[in-house]
Amino acid sequence: MSKLGDISEQVAVRERLQCKPFSWFMENIAYDVTERFPLPPENNVWGELSCPGKSVCVDSMGKLNDYIGVYACHHRGGAQRLRLNVEGEWSIGEHCFIGQNGKVHVRMCIQGDKWIPKGEWDYDESTKLMKSKALNQCLQTDGHELVLASCDSSNVGQQWKWNHV
């Protein structure tokens, strides 16, 4: 008997129905799943992105089809638990952030029928800048709004810190 208890009934049902192992499903039915939806690259940073000089954190604001903003840091994750992978994809769940028209917009990470886990973002630990490489602009806040602007490491509204939550 296994640690699960007596599972002989379940084994008998599996044999009677001629069930195939999960590996058979992955090889014969979902053979293209890892090609279409590859595992994302390793995270570079994960947690909340705070602007200590303005006492706010980047927040998706629950708007997963619009643009993101800033809100008081609550240290509970949720709409403030973000990740930036080593390929520059900045996201929350399956929603990725892209710089567009001076703001950071949210879109599904799946493009067409594939998840392409690469993005435009770079975080520089030494300057504390969060930069869109596509636009050559940096995140900036005045404590109320989140925008993209010309990079200036002396601007406290552009100095960001990743905090693990």
Protein backbone atom coordinates (compact mmCIF):
# COMPACT_ATOMS: atom_id res chain seq x y z
CA MET A 1 0.00 0.00 0.00
CA SER A 2 1.27 3.48 -0.86
CA LYS A 3 1.42 6.52 1.41
CA LEU A 4 -1.79 7.62 -0.29
CA GLY A 5 -3.68 4.66 1.09
CA ASP A 6 -5.40 1.97 -0.95
CA ILE A 7 -5.65 3.15 -4.56
CA SER A 8 -6.35 -0.26 -6.08
CA GLU A 9 -9.82 0.88 -7.17
CA GLN A 10 -8.38 3.83 -9.08
CA VAL A 11 -5.69 1.60 -10.65
CA ALA A 12 -8.39 -0.86 -11.77
CA VAL A 13 -10.41 1.96 -13.38
CA ARG A 14 -7.31 3.20 -15.17
CA GLU A 15 -6.57 -0.29 -16.50
CA ARG A 16 -10.21 -0.93 -17.50
CA LEU A 17 -10.39 2.36 -19.42
CA GLN A 18 -6.90 1.77 -20.91
CA CYS A 19 -5.79 5.24 -19.82
CA LYS A 20 -2.55 6.49 -21.26
CA PRO A 21 0.15 8.25 -19.22
CA PHE A 22 0.41 12.05 -19.22
CA SER A 23 3.64 11.80 -21.22
CA TRP A 24 1.58 10.23 -24.06
CA PHE A 25 -0.73 13.27 -24.00
CA MET A 26 2.21 15.67 -24.11
CA GLU A 27 3.88 13.77 -26.98
CA ASN A 28 0.77 13.11 -29.10
CA ILE A 29 -1.79 15.81 -28.34
CA ALA A 30 0.02 18.82 -26.87
CA TYR A 31 3.31 18.23 -28.70
CA ASP A 32 3.61 21.92 -29.68
CA VAL A 33 2.76 23.50 -26.34
CA THR A 34 6.35 24.23 -25.32
CA GLU A 35 7.08 25.61 -28.81
CA ARG A 36 4.04 27.90 -28.74
CA PHE A 37 4.27 28.77 -25.03
CA PRO A 38 7.91 28.44 -23.95
CA LEU A 39 8.83 28.71 -20.33
CA PRO A 40 9.80 32.30 -19.61
CA PRO A 41 13.46 33.12 -19.07
CA GLU A 42 14.77 33.45 -15.54
CA ASN A 43 13.63 36.50 -13.61
CA ASN A 44 16.15 39.28 -13.25
CA VAL A 45 14.08 40.92 -10.49
CA TRP A 46 10.72 40.11 -8.89
CA GLY A 47 8.55 42.03 -6.45
CA GLU A 48 7.43 45.62 -6.11
CA LEU A 49 9.10 48.46 -7.97
CA SER A 50 9.19 51.48 -5.67
CA CYS A 51 10.25 55.07 -6.15
CA PRO A 52 11.57 55.90 -2.66
CA GLY A 53 11.88 59.61 -3.48
CA LYS A 54 8.14 59.83 -4.17
CA SER A 55 6.94 57.12 -1.72
CA VAL A 56 4.99 55.17 -4.37
CA CYS A 57 5.15 51.85 -6.20
CA VAL A 58 4.33 50.92 -9.76
CA ASP A 59 0.82 49.45 -9.73
CA SER A 60 -1.19 47.80 -12.50
CA MET A 61 -4.22 49.52 -10.97
CA GLY A 62 -6.25 46.42 -11.84
CA LYS A 63 -6.35 47.71 -15.44
CA LEU A 64 -4.99 44.83 -17.44
CA ASN A 65 -6.05 46.37 -20.75
CA ASP A 66 -4.98 49.99 -20.31
CA TYR A 67 -1.87 51.62 -18.84
CA ILE A 68 -0.20 51.26 -15.45
CA GLY A 69 0.34 53.91 -12.80
CA VAL A 70 1.65 54.44 -9.28
CA TYR A 71 0.04 54.01 -5.90
CA ALA A 72 1.15 53.95 -2.26
CA CYS A 73 3.26 50.85 -1.62
CA HIS A 74 1.28 48.27 0.36
CA HIS A 75 3.89 45.45 0.40
CA ARG A 76 1.23 42.78 -0.22
CA GLY A 77 2.00 41.91 -3.84
CA GLY A 78 -1.15 41.71 -5.94
CA ALA A 79 -1.22 44.55 -8.49
CA GLN A 80 2.25 45.60 -7.31
CA ARG A 81 4.01 42.21 -7.67
CA LEU A 82 5.86 42.53 -10.96
CA ARG A 83 8.72 40.74 -12.64
CA LEU A 84 11.44 41.63 -15.11
CA ASN A 85 13.10 38.68 -16.80
CA VAL A 86 16.64 38.51 -18.14
CA GLU A 87 15.31 39.04 -21.70
CA GLY A 88 13.70 42.40 -20.81
CA GLU A 89 10.08 41.28 -20.48
CA TRP A 90 8.43 43.30 -17.70
CA SER A 91 5.12 41.81 -16.70
CA ILE A 92 2.46 40.83 -14.22
CA GLY A 93 1.05 37.37 -14.82
CA GLU A 94 0.41 36.96 -18.56
CA HIS A 95 0.26 40.72 -19.14
CA CYS A 96 3.34 42.51 -20.45
CA PHE A 97 4.24 46.18 -20.25
CA ILE A 98 5.24 48.19 -23.31
CA GLY A 99 6.23 51.82 -23.68
CA GLN A 100 3.92 53.76 -25.95
CA ASN A 101 2.99 57.44 -26.32
CA GLY A 102 4.80 58.48 -23.14
CA LYS A 103 3.09 55.89 -20.91
CA VAL A 104 3.46 52.22 -20.01
CA HIS A 105 0.67 50.18 -21.57
CA VAL A 106 -0.46 46.65 -20.76
CA ARG A 107 -0.95 43.96 -23.39
CA MET A 108 -1.18 40.19 -23.39
CA CYS A 109 2.25 38.59 -23.56
CA ILE A 110 0.96 36.19 -26.22
CA GLN A 111 1.55 37.72 -29.64
CA GLY A 112 -0.41 36.00 -32.39
CA ASP A 113 -0.41 32.42 -31.19
CA LYS A 114 2.96 32.50 -29.42
CA TRP A 115 4.35 33.82 -26.17
CA ILE A 116 7.57 35.60 -26.98
CA PRO A 117 9.15 36.23 -23.57
CA LYS A 118 11.41 39.08 -24.68
CA GLY A 119 10.83 42.72 -24.03
CA GLU A 120 12.15 46.23 -24.14
CA TRP A 121 13.01 46.90 -20.50
CA ASP A 122 16.26 47.17 -18.61
CA TYR A 123 16.85 47.95 -14.94
CA ASP A 124 20.23 49.39 -14.01
CA GLU A 125 21.01 48.64 -10.37
CA SER A 126 23.72 51.31 -10.19
CA THR A 127 21.70 54.24 -11.60
CA LYS A 128 18.30 52.90 -10.40
CA LEU A 129 16.84 53.68 -13.85
CA MET A 130 14.10 51.52 -15.40
CA LYS A 131 14.54 52.08 -19.12
CA SER A 132 12.60 51.26 -22.26
CA LYS A 133 15.31 50.26 -24.71
CA ALA A 134 12.79 50.54 -27.56
CA LEU A 135 12.07 54.21 -26.83
CA ASN A 136 15.31 55.14 -25.05
CA GLN A 137 13.22 56.65 -22.24
CA CYS A 138 12.96 55.97 -18.53
CA LEU A 139 10.14 55.53 -16.04
CA GLN A 140 9.36 58.70 -14.16
CA THR A 141 6.79 59.65 -11.55
CA ASP A 142 5.77 62.80 -9.74
CA GLY A 143 4.07 60.62 -7.11
CA HIS A 144 0.71 60.69 -8.92
CA GLU A 145 1.34 59.71 -12.52
CA LEU A 146 3.72 57.31 -14.27
CA VAL A 147 5.25 58.49 -17.55
CA LEU A 148 8.21 57.85 -19.81
CA ALA A 149 10.73 60.69 -20.11
CA SER A 150 14.32 61.40 -21.11
CA CYS A 151 16.59 59.49 -18.76
CA ASP A 152 18.16 61.48 -15.91
CA SER A 153 19.71 59.50 -13.07
CA SER A 154 19.75 62.61 -10.84
CA ASN A 155 15.95 62.92 -11.01
CA VAL A 156 14.49 61.30 -7.84
CA GLY A 157 11.31 60.59 -9.82
CA GLN A 158 13.34 58.22 -12.00
CA GLN A 159 15.16 56.39 -9.22
CA TRP A 160 13.54 52.98 -8.70
CA LYS A 161 14.19 50.13 -6.31
CA TRP A 162 13.01 46.52 -6.60
CA ASN A 163 11.79 45.10 -3.28
CA HIS A 164 11.02 41.42 -2.88
CA VAL A 165 7.51 40.85 -1.52
